[in-house]
PDB file of N, CA and C in Angstrom:
ATOM      1  N   MET A   1       0.818  -1.197   0.000  1.00  0.00           N
ATOM      2  CA  MET A   1       0.000   0.000   0.000  1.00  0.00           C
ATOM      3  C   MET A   1       0.862   1.260   0.000  1.00  0.00           C
ATOM      4  N   LYS A   2       2.180   1.128   0.073  1.00  0.00           N
ATOM      5  CA  LYS A   2       3.032   2.312   0.086  1.00  0.00           C
ATOM      6  C   LYS A   2       3.028   3.022  -1.256  1.00  0.00           C
ATOM      7  N   ARG A   3       2.832   2.274  -2.327  1.00  0.00           N
ATOM      8  CA  ARG A   3       2.904   2.880  -3.651  1.00  0.00           C
ATOM      9  C   ARG A   3       1.577   3.427  -4.139  1.00  0.00           C
ATOM     10  N   HIS A   4       0.518   3.259  -3.387  1.00  0.00           N
ATOM     11  CA  HIS A   4      -0.783   3.786  -3.784  1.00  0.00           C
ATOM     12  C   HIS A   4      -0.912   5.250  -3.388  1.00  0.00           C
ATOM     13  N   THR A   5      -1.683   5.976  -4.179  1.00  0.00           N
ATOM     14  CA  THR A   5      -1.988   7.357  -3.817  1.00  0.00           C
ATOM     15  C   THR A   5      -3.032   7.350  -2.702  1.00  0.00           C
ATOM     16  N   LYS A   6      -3.328   8.515  -2.186  1.00  0.00           N
ATOM     17  CA  LYS A   6      -4.314   8.609  -1.103  1.00  0.00           C
ATOM     18  C   LYS A   6      -5.684   8.138  -1.587  1.00  0.00           C
ATOM     19  N   THR A   7      -6.043   8.479  -2.821  1.00  0.00           N
ATOM     20  CA  THR A   7      -7.318   8.028  -3.390  1.00  0.00           C
ATOM     21  C   THR A   7      -7.347   6.508  -3.510  1.00  0.00           C
ATOM     22  N   GLY A   8      -6.239   5.913  -3.935  1.00  0.00           N
ATOM     23  CA  GLY A   8      -6.167   4.463  -4.055  1.00  0.00           C
ATOM     24  C   GLY A   8      -6.311   3.759  -2.724  1.00  0.00           C
ATOM     25  N   LYS A   9      -5.701   4.336  -1.691  1.00  0.00           N
ATOM     26  CA  LYS A   9      -5.819   3.747  -0.354  1.00  0.00           C
ATOM     27  C   LYS A   9      -7.251   3.828   0.161  1.00  0.00           C
ATOM     28  N   ILE A  10      -7.891   4.971  -0.076  1.00  0.00           N
ATOM     29  CA  ILE A  10      -9.281   5.133   0.371  1.00  0.00           C
ATOM     30  C   ILE A  10     -10.185   4.144  -0.351  1.00  0.00           C
ATOM     31  N   LEU A  11     -10.011   4.006  -1.665  1.00  0.00           N
ATOM     32  CA  LEU A  11     -10.835   3.066  -2.431  1.00  0.00           C
ATOM     33  C   LEU A  11     -10.611   1.634  -1.964  1.00  0.00           C
ATOM     34  N   PHE A  12      -9.364   1.279  -1.695  1.00  0.00           N
ATOM     35  CA  PHE A  12      -9.062  -0.083  -1.270  1.00  0.00           C
ATOM     36  C   PHE A  12      -9.716  -0.411   0.073  1.00  0.00           C
ATOM     37  N   TYR A  13      -9.504   0.448   1.066  1.00  0.00           N
ATOM     38  CA  TYR A  13     -10.060   0.160   2.390  1.00  0.00           C
ATOM     39  C   TYR A  13     -11.584   0.254   2.406  1.00  0.00           C
ATOM     40  N   LEU A  14     -12.138   1.146   1.614  1.00  0.00           N
ATOM     41  CA  LEU A  14     -13.593   1.209   1.485  1.00  0.00           C
ATOM     42  C   LEU A  14     -14.120  -0.079   0.853  1.00  0.00           C
ATOM     43  N   GLY A  15     -13.414  -0.589  -0.148  1.00  0.00           N
ATOM     44  CA  GLY A  15     -13.800  -1.849  -0.770  1.00  0.00           C
ATOM     45  C   GLY A  15     -13.733  -3.022   0.186  1.00  0.00           C
ATOM     46  N   VAL A  16     -12.712  -3.024   1.039  1.00  0.00           N
ATOM     47  CA  VAL A  16     -12.582  -4.104   2.029  1.00  0.00           C
ATOM     48  C   VAL A  16     -13.761  -4.085   2.996  1.00  0.00           C
ATOM     49  N   TRP A  17     -14.117  -2.896   3.485  1.00  0.00           N
ATOM     50  CA  TRP A  17     -15.228  -2.800   4.440  1.00  0.00           C
ATOM     51  C   TRP A  17     -16.565  -3.123   3.788  1.00  0.00           C
ATOM     52  N   ILE A  18     -16.759  -2.688   2.547  1.00  0.00           N
ATOM     53  CA  ILE A  18     -18.020  -2.992   1.856  1.00  0.00           C
ATOM     54  C   ILE A  18     -18.124  -4.488   1.589  1.00  0.00           C
ATOM     55  N   MET A  19     -17.011  -5.107   1.181  1.00  0.00           N
ATOM     56  CA  MET A  19     -17.029  -6.538   0.925  1.00  0.00           C
ATOM     57  C   MET A  19     -17.259  -7.314   2.227  1.00  0.00           C
ATOM     58  N   ALA A  20     -16.680  -6.857   3.329  1.00  0.00           N
ATOM     59  CA  ALA A  20     -16.905  -7.516   4.622  1.00  0.00           C
ATOM     60  C   ALA A  20     -18.367  -7.414   5.040  1.00  0.00           C
ATOM     61  N   ALA A  21     -18.982  -6.267   4.778  1.00  0.00           N
ATOM     62  CA  ALA A  21     -20.409  -6.125   5.087  1.00  0.00           C
ATOM     63  C   ALA A  21     -21.238  -7.063   4.217  1.00  0.00           C
ATOM     64  N   GLY A  22     -20.851  -7.221   2.975  1.00  0.00           N
ATOM     65  CA  GLY A  22     -21.558  -8.148   2.094  1.00  0.00           C
ATOM     66  C   GLY A  22     -21.456  -9.583   2.576  1.00  0.00           C
ATOM     67  N   PHE A  23     -20.264  -9.982   3.037  1.00  0.00           N
ATOM     68  CA  PHE A  23     -20.114 -11.328   3.585  1.00  0.00           C
ATOM     69  C   PHE A  23     -20.897 -11.488   4.884  1.00  0.00           C
ATOM     70  N   ALA A  24     -20.961 -10.442   5.688  1.00  0.00           N
ATOM     71  CA  ALA A  24     -21.684 -10.533   6.960  1.00  0.00           C
ATOM     72  C   ALA A  24     -23.185 -10.678   6.744  1.00  0.00           C
ATOM     73  N   PHE A  25     -23.712 -10.033   5.714  1.00  0.00           N
ATOM     74  CA  PHE A  25     -25.148 -10.108   5.455  1.00  0.00           C
ATOM     75  C   PHE A  25     -25.539 -11.332   4.637  1.00  0.00           C
ATOM     76  N   ASN A  26     -24.570 -12.082   4.152  1.00  0.00           N
ATOM     77  CA  ASN A  26     -24.865 -13.262   3.359  1.00  0.00           C
ATOM     78  C   ASN A  26     -25.324 -14.386   4.285  1.00  0.00           C
ATOM     79  N   GLN A  27     -26.442 -14.980   3.975  1.00  0.00           N
ATOM     80  CA  GLN A  27     -27.029 -16.003   4.849  1.00  0.00           C
ATOM     81  C   GLN A  27     -26.278 -17.326   4.797  1.00  0.00           C
ATOM     82  N   THR A  28     -25.515 -17.576   3.754  1.00  0.00           N
ATOM     83  CA  THR A  28     -24.833 -18.862   3.646  1.00  0.00           C
ATOM     84  C   THR A  28     -23.532 -18.908   4.429  1.00  0.00           C
ATOM     85  N   PHE A  29     -23.048 -17.765   4.910  1.00  0.00           N
ATOM     86  CA  PHE A  29     -21.770 -17.761   5.615  1.00  0.00           C
ATOM     87  C   PHE A  29     -21.943 -17.719   7.122  1.00  0.00           C
ATOM     88  N   TRP A  30     -22.283 -16.555   7.685  1.00  0.00           N
ATOM     89  CA  TRP A  30     -22.242 -16.431   9.138  1.00  0.00           C
ATOM     90  C   TRP A  30     -23.606 -16.162   9.749  1.00  0.00           C
ATOM     91  N   ILE A  31     -24.225 -15.072   9.388  1.00  0.00           N
ATOM     92  CA  ILE A  31     -25.463 -14.670  10.045  1.00  0.00           C
ATOM     93  C   ILE A  31     -26.631 -15.409   9.404  1.00  0.00           C
ATOM     94  N   VAL A  32     -27.314 -16.223  10.179  1.00  0.00           N
ATOM     95  CA  VAL A  32     -28.388 -17.051   9.645  1.00  0.00           C
ATOM     96  C   VAL A  32     -29.702 -16.292   9.613  1.00  0.00           C
ATOM     97  N   ASP A  33     -30.001 -15.509  10.619  1.00  0.00           N
ATOM     98  CA  ASP A  33     -31.291 -14.830  10.713  1.00  0.00           C
ATOM     99  C   ASP A  33     -31.230 -13.395  10.198  1.00  0.00           C
ATOM    100  N   THR A  34     -30.627 -13.204   9.057  1.00  0.00           N
ATOM    101  CA  THR A  34     -30.538 -11.871   8.467  1.00  0.00           C
ATOM    102  C   THR A  34     -31.889 -11.505   7.865  1.00  0.00           C
ATOM    103  N   PRO A  35     -32.383 -10.296   8.120  1.00  0.00           N
ATOM    104  CA  PRO A  35     -33.637  -9.882   7.479  1.00  0.00           C
ATOM    105  C   PRO A  35     -33.500  -9.893   5.956  1.00  0.00           C
ATOM    106  N   GLU A  36     -34.588 -10.138   5.287  1.00  0.00           N
ATOM    107  CA  GLU A  36     -34.574 -10.315   3.832  1.00  0.00           C
ATOM    108  C   GLU A  36     -34.002  -9.119   3.056  1.00  0.00           C
ATOM    109  N   PRO A  37     -34.314  -7.871   3.405  1.00  0.00           N
ATOM    110  CA  PRO A  37     -33.724  -6.766   2.623  1.00  0.00           C
ATOM    111  C   PRO A  37     -32.199  -6.747   2.679  1.00  0.00           C
ATOM    112  N   TYR A  38     -31.624  -7.112   3.835  1.00  0.00           N
ATOM    113  CA  TYR A  38     -30.170  -7.119   3.947  1.00  0.00           C
ATOM    114  C   TYR A  38     -29.555  -8.293   3.201  1.00  0.00           C
ATOM    115  N   ALA A  39     -30.242  -9.413   3.190  1.00  0.00           N
ATOM    116  CA  ALA A  39     -29.716 -10.588   2.503  1.00  0.00           C
ATOM    117  C   ALA A  39     -29.660 -10.374   0.996  1.00  0.00           C
ATOM    118  N   THR A  40     -30.592  -9.595   0.454  1.00  0.00           N
ATOM    119  CA  THR A  40     -30.570  -9.357  -0.991  1.00  0.00           C
ATOM    120  C   THR A  40     -29.454  -8.410  -1.395  1.00  0.00           C
ATOM    121  N   PHE A  41     -28.949  -7.615  -0.474  1.00  0.00           N
ATOM    122  CA  PHE A  41     -27.852  -6.698  -0.787  1.00  0.00           C
ATOM    123  C   PHE A  41     -26.480  -7.341  -0.650  1.00  0.00           C
ATOM    124  N   SER A  42     -26.402  -8.570  -0.175  1.00  0.00           N
ATOM    125  CA  SER A  42     -25.100  -9.158   0.130  1.00  0.00           C
ATOM    126  C   SER A  42     -24.249  -9.376  -1.117  1.00  0.00           C
ATOM    127  N   ILE A  43     -24.808  -9.951  -2.154  1.00  0.00           N
ATOM    128  CA  ILE A  43     -24.032 -10.224  -3.366  1.00  0.00           C
ATOM    129  C   ILE A  43     -23.606  -8.933  -4.061  1.00  0.00           C
ATOM    130  N   PRO A  44     -24.479  -7.921  -4.224  1.00  0.00           N
ATOM    131  CA  PRO A  44     -23.997  -6.660  -4.807  1.00  0.00           C
ATOM    132  C   PRO A  44     -22.922  -5.980  -3.959  1.00  0.00           C
ATOM    133  N   LEU A  45     -23.009  -6.072  -2.632  1.00  0.00           N
ATOM    134  CA  LEU A  45     -21.977  -5.478  -1.788  1.00  0.00           C
ATOM    135  C   LEU A  45     -20.638  -6.179  -1.974  1.00  0.00           C
ATOM    136  N   ILE A  46     -20.659  -7.483  -2.089  1.00  0.00           N
ATOM    137  CA  ILE A  46     -19.422  -8.226  -2.326  1.00  0.00           C
ATOM    138  C   ILE A  46     -18.831  -7.833  -3.676  1.00  0.00           C
ATOM    139  N   ALA A  47     -19.671  -7.727  -4.699  1.00  0.00           N
ATOM    140  CA  ALA A  47     -19.194  -7.355  -6.033  1.00  0.00           C
ATOM    141  C   ALA A  47     -18.635  -5.935  -6.047  1.00  0.00           C
ATOM    142  N   ILE A  48     -19.299  -5.004  -5.383  1.00  0.00           N
ATOM    143  CA  ILE A  48     -18.815  -3.619  -5.329  1.00  0.00           C
ATOM    144  C   ILE A  48     -17.483  -3.557  -4.587  1.00  0.00           C
ATOM    145  N   GLY A  49     -17.335  -4.320  -3.535  1.00  0.00           N
ATOM    146  CA  GLY A  49     -16.070  -4.352  -2.799  1.00  0.00           C
ATOM    147  C   GLY A  49     -14.923  -4.857  -3.647  1.00  0.00           C
ATOM    148  N   ILE A  50     -15.174  -5.898  -4.436  1.00  0.00           N
ATOM    149  CA  ILE A  50     -14.139  -6.425  -5.323  1.00  0.00           C
ATOM    150  C   ILE A  50     -13.800  -5.412  -6.407  1.00  0.00           C
ATOM    151  N   ILE A  51     -14.806  -4.762  -6.967  1.00  0.00           N
ATOM    152  CA  ILE A  51     -14.574  -3.755  -8.006  1.00  0.00           C
ATOM    153  C   ILE A  51     -13.751  -2.592  -7.454  1.00  0.00           C
ATOM    154  N   LEU A  52     -14.059  -2.134  -6.248  1.00  0.00           N
ATOM    155  CA  LEU A  52     -13.277  -1.050  -5.649  1.00  0.00           C
ATOM    156  C   LEU A  52     -11.830  -1.477  -5.404  1.00  0.00           C
ATOM    157  N   GLY A  53     -11.617  -2.711  -5.035  1.00  0.00           N
ATOM    158  CA  GLY A  53     -10.255  -3.207  -4.858  1.00  0.00           C
ATOM    159  C   GLY A  53      -9.480  -3.233  -6.156  1.00  0.00           C
ATOM    160  N   VAL A  54     -10.140  -3.622  -7.231  1.00  0.00           N
ATOM    161  CA  VAL A  54      -9.482  -3.641  -8.541  1.00  0.00           C
ATOM    162  C   VAL A  54      -9.216  -2.224  -9.030  1.00  0.00           C
ATOM    163  N   VAL A  55     -10.184  -1.333  -8.859  1.00  0.00           N
ATOM    164  CA  VAL A  55     -10.025   0.054  -9.310  1.00  0.00           C
ATOM    165  C   VAL A  55      -8.917   0.750  -8.528  1.00  0.00           C
ATOM    166  N   SER A  56      -8.733   0.396  -7.267  1.00  0.00           N
ATOM    167  CA  SER A  56      -7.695   1.047  -6.467  1.00  0.00           C
ATOM    168  C   SER A  56      -6.300   0.768  -7.013  1.00  0.00           C
ATOM    169  N   ASN A  57      -6.130  -0.311  -7.754  1.00  0.00           N
ATOM    170  CA  ASN A  57      -4.824  -0.613  -8.338  1.00  0.00           C
ATOM    171  C   ASN A  57      -4.438   0.355  -9.444  1.00  0.00           C
ATOM    172  N   PHE A  58      -5.376   1.080  -9.994  1.00  0.00           N
ATOM    173  CA  PHE A  58      -5.066   2.060 -11.027  1.00  0.00           C
ATOM    174  C   PHE A  58      -4.580   3.376 -10.430  1.00  0.00           C
ATOM    175  N   TYR A  59      -4.658   3.532  -9.136  1.00  0.00           N
ATOM    176  CA  TYR A  59      -4.220   4.749  -8.455  1.00  0.00           C
ATOM    177  C   TYR A  59      -2.897   4.482  -7.740  1.00  0.00           C
ATOM    178  N   LYS A  60      -1.860   4.240  -8.511  1.00  0.00           N
ATOM    179  CA  LYS A  60      -0.536   4.014  -7.950  1.00  0.00           C
ATOM    180  C   LYS A  60       0.376   5.172  -8.313  1.00  0.00           C
ATOM    181  N   LYS A  61       1.344   5.419  -7.447  1.00  0.00           N
ATOM    182  CA  LYS A  61       2.343   6.443  -7.729  1.00  0.00           C
ATOM    183  C   LYS A  61       3.305   5.902  -8.777  1.00  0.00           C
ATOM    184  N   SER A  62       3.811   6.788  -9.605  1.00  0.00           N
ATOM    185  CA  SER A  62       4.769   6.347 -10.613  1.00  0.00           C
ATOM    186  C   SER A  62       6.102   6.006  -9.948  1.00  0.00           C
ATOM    187  N   LYS A  63       6.911   5.218 -10.632  1.00  0.00           N
ATOM    188  CA  LYS A  63       8.188   4.795 -10.069  1.00  0.00           C
ATOM    189  C   LYS A  63       9.170   5.954  -9.962  1.00  0.00           C
ATOM    190  N   GLU A  64       9.023   6.977 -10.799  1.00  0.00           N
ATOM    191  CA  GLU A  64       9.937   8.115 -10.761  1.00  0.00           C
ATOM    192  C   GLU A  64       9.735   8.972  -9.523  1.00  0.00           C
ATOM    193  N   SER A  65       8.542   8.955  -8.927  1.00  0.00           N
ATOM    194  CA  SER A  65       8.254   9.827  -7.789  1.00  0.00           C
ATOM    195  C   SER A  65       8.725   9.253  -6.459  1.00  0.00           C
ATOM    196  N   ASN A  66       9.330   8.068  -6.462  1.00  0.00           N
ATOM    197  CA  ASN A  66       9.806   7.467  -5.207  1.00  0.00           C
ATOM    198  C   ASN A  66      10.942   8.212  -4.677  1.00  0.00           C
TER     199      ASN A  66
END
């Protein structure tokens, strides 16, 4: 994470937290009695978290600026 810009770091950690929330609301993993509205958001939250993690890789500092 040292080579990422501030925007890249924010996107990465935001993606991690969103993906963790998606896993927490997923009924097949941990929480069994999740209300239905939250359970339907689990897969999109996981997908958004992965997308933010991938997008954060485009926000890296160039090698010349080290």
